[in-house]
Amino acid sequence: MASVKPITLQLWRWWLDLGRLWKIQLTCETTAPLILSKDWVDRL
């Protein structure tokens, strides 16, 4: 278990760093279609 912990922490830190990068991209990719679809739904 002791040898597994450092690897898990390293992966977790890497995952969080990756998550920060993805969060910016995903926010842009998900909010734009949502705003567009919401605008489209409002017109209906």
N, C-alpha and C. Protein backbone atom coordinates (compact mmCIF):
# COMPACT_ATOMS: atom_id res chain seq x y z
N MET A 1 0.83 -1.22 0.00
CA MET A 1 0.00 0.00 0.00
C MET A 1 0.86 1.26 0.00
N ALA A 2 1.98 1.21 0.72
CA ALA A 2 2.86 2.39 0.83
C ALA A 2 3.44 2.78 -0.53
N SER A 3 3.73 1.77 -1.37
CA SER A 3 4.31 2.06 -2.69
C SER A 3 3.26 2.55 -3.68
N VAL A 4 2.01 2.26 -3.40
CA VAL A 4 0.91 2.67 -4.29
C VAL A 4 0.54 4.14 -4.07
N LYS A 5 0.65 4.58 -2.83
CA LYS A 5 0.23 5.94 -2.48
C LYS A 5 0.90 7.06 -3.29
N PRO A 6 2.25 7.08 -3.39
CA PRO A 6 2.90 8.15 -4.16
C PRO A 6 2.44 8.19 -5.62
N ILE A 7 2.24 7.01 -6.21
CA ILE A 7 1.79 6.92 -7.60
C ILE A 7 0.39 7.51 -7.72
N THR A 8 -0.47 7.19 -6.76
CA THR A 8 -1.84 7.70 -6.76
C THR A 8 -1.86 9.21 -6.62
N LEU A 9 -1.03 9.74 -5.74
CA LEU A 9 -0.94 11.19 -5.55
C LEU A 9 -0.42 11.88 -6.80
N GLN A 10 0.57 11.26 -7.44
CA GLN A 10 1.14 11.81 -8.66
C GLN A 10 0.10 11.84 -9.78
N LEU A 11 -0.65 10.74 -9.91
CA LEU A 11 -1.72 10.67 -10.90
C LEU A 11 -2.82 11.67 -10.61
N TRP A 12 -3.13 11.83 -9.32
CA TRP A 12 -4.18 12.76 -8.91
C TRP A 12 -3.80 14.20 -9.24
N ARG A 13 -2.52 14.55 -8.98
CA ARG A 13 -2.04 15.89 -9.31
C ARG A 13 -2.05 16.12 -10.81
N TRP A 14 -1.62 15.10 -11.57
CA TRP A 14 -1.62 15.18 -13.02
C TRP A 14 -3.04 15.32 -13.55
N TRP A 15 -3.96 14.57 -12.93
CA TRP A 15 -5.37 14.61 -13.32
C TRP A 15 -5.97 15.99 -13.05
N LEU A 16 -5.62 16.60 -11.92
CA LEU A 16 -6.12 17.93 -11.57
C LEU A 16 -5.57 18.98 -12.54
N ASP A 17 -4.29 18.86 -12.88
CA ASP A 17 -3.68 19.79 -13.83
C ASP A 17 -4.34 19.67 -15.20
N LEU A 18 -4.58 18.43 -15.60
CA LEU A 18 -5.25 18.16 -16.87
C LEU A 18 -6.68 18.70 -16.81
N GLY A 19 -7.32 18.51 -15.67
CA GLY A 19 -8.69 18.98 -15.47
C GLY A 19 -8.82 20.48 -15.61
N ARG A 20 -7.82 21.21 -15.11
CA ARG A 20 -7.83 22.68 -15.22
C ARG A 20 -7.78 23.11 -16.67
N LEU A 21 -6.94 22.44 -17.45
CA LEU A 21 -6.82 22.77 -18.87
C LEU A 21 -8.11 22.42 -19.61
N TRP A 22 -8.64 21.23 -19.31
CA TRP A 22 -9.87 20.78 -19.96
C TRP A 22 -11.07 21.62 -19.57
N LYS A 23 -11.07 22.08 -18.31
CA LYS A 23 -12.19 22.88 -17.80
C LYS A 23 -12.38 24.13 -18.64
N ILE A 24 -11.27 24.78 -18.99
CA ILE A 24 -11.34 25.99 -19.80
C ILE A 24 -11.91 25.66 -21.18
N GLN A 25 -11.39 24.60 -21.79
CA GLN A 25 -11.85 24.21 -23.13
C GLN A 25 -13.29 23.73 -23.11
N LEU A 26 -13.62 22.88 -22.12
CA LEU A 26 -14.98 22.35 -22.03
C LEU A 26 -16.00 23.43 -21.73
N THR A 27 -15.61 24.41 -20.91
CA THR A 27 -16.52 25.52 -20.59
C THR A 27 -16.86 26.28 -21.87
N CYS A 28 -15.84 26.53 -22.69
CA CYS A 28 -16.06 27.23 -23.96
C CYS A 28 -16.92 26.39 -24.91
N GLU A 29 -16.65 25.09 -24.96
CA GLU A 29 -17.36 24.20 -25.88
C GLU A 29 -18.79 23.90 -25.44
N THR A 30 -19.04 23.90 -24.13
CA THR A 30 -20.38 23.56 -23.65
C THR A 30 -21.28 24.78 -23.49
N THR A 31 -20.71 25.91 -23.08
CA THR A 31 -21.54 27.11 -22.87
C THR A 31 -22.00 27.71 -24.18
N ALA A 32 -21.13 27.71 -25.19
CA ALA A 32 -21.51 28.29 -26.49
C ALA A 32 -22.73 27.57 -27.09
N PRO A 33 -22.71 26.24 -27.23
CA PRO A 33 -23.90 25.54 -27.74
C PRO A 33 -25.13 25.71 -26.85
N LEU A 34 -24.92 25.77 -25.53
CA LEU A 34 -26.05 25.95 -24.62
C LEU A 34 -26.69 27.31 -24.82
N ILE A 35 -25.86 28.34 -24.97
CA ILE A 35 -26.38 29.69 -25.21
C ILE A 35 -27.11 29.73 -26.55
N LEU A 36 -26.52 29.10 -27.56
CA LEU A 36 -27.13 29.07 -28.89
C LEU A 36 -28.45 28.29 -28.87
N SER A 37 -28.46 27.13 -28.21
CA SER A 37 -29.67 26.31 -28.15
C SER A 37 -30.75 27.00 -27.31
N LYS A 38 -30.34 27.68 -26.26
CA LYS A 38 -31.29 28.40 -25.41
C LYS A 38 -31.93 29.54 -26.21
N ASP A 39 -31.11 30.23 -26.98
CA ASP A 39 -31.60 31.32 -27.82
C ASP A 39 -32.57 30.77 -28.87
N TRP A 40 -32.24 29.59 -29.40
CA TRP A 40 -33.07 28.94 -30.41
C TRP A 40 -34.39 28.50 -29.81
N VAL A 41 -34.34 27.97 -28.57
CA VAL A 41 -35.55 27.52 -27.88
C VAL A 41 -36.45 28.71 -27.55
N ASP A 42 -35.84 29.82 -27.16
CA ASP A 42 -36.61 31.03 -26.84
C ASP A 42 -37.36 31.56 -28.06
N ARG A 43 -36.75 31.40 -29.24
CA ARG A 43 -37.39 31.87 -30.47
C ARG A 43 -38.61 31.03 -30.83
N LEU A 44 -38.58 29.76 -30.45
CA LEU A 44 -39.73 28.88 -30.69
C LEU A 44 -40.86 29.27 -29.75
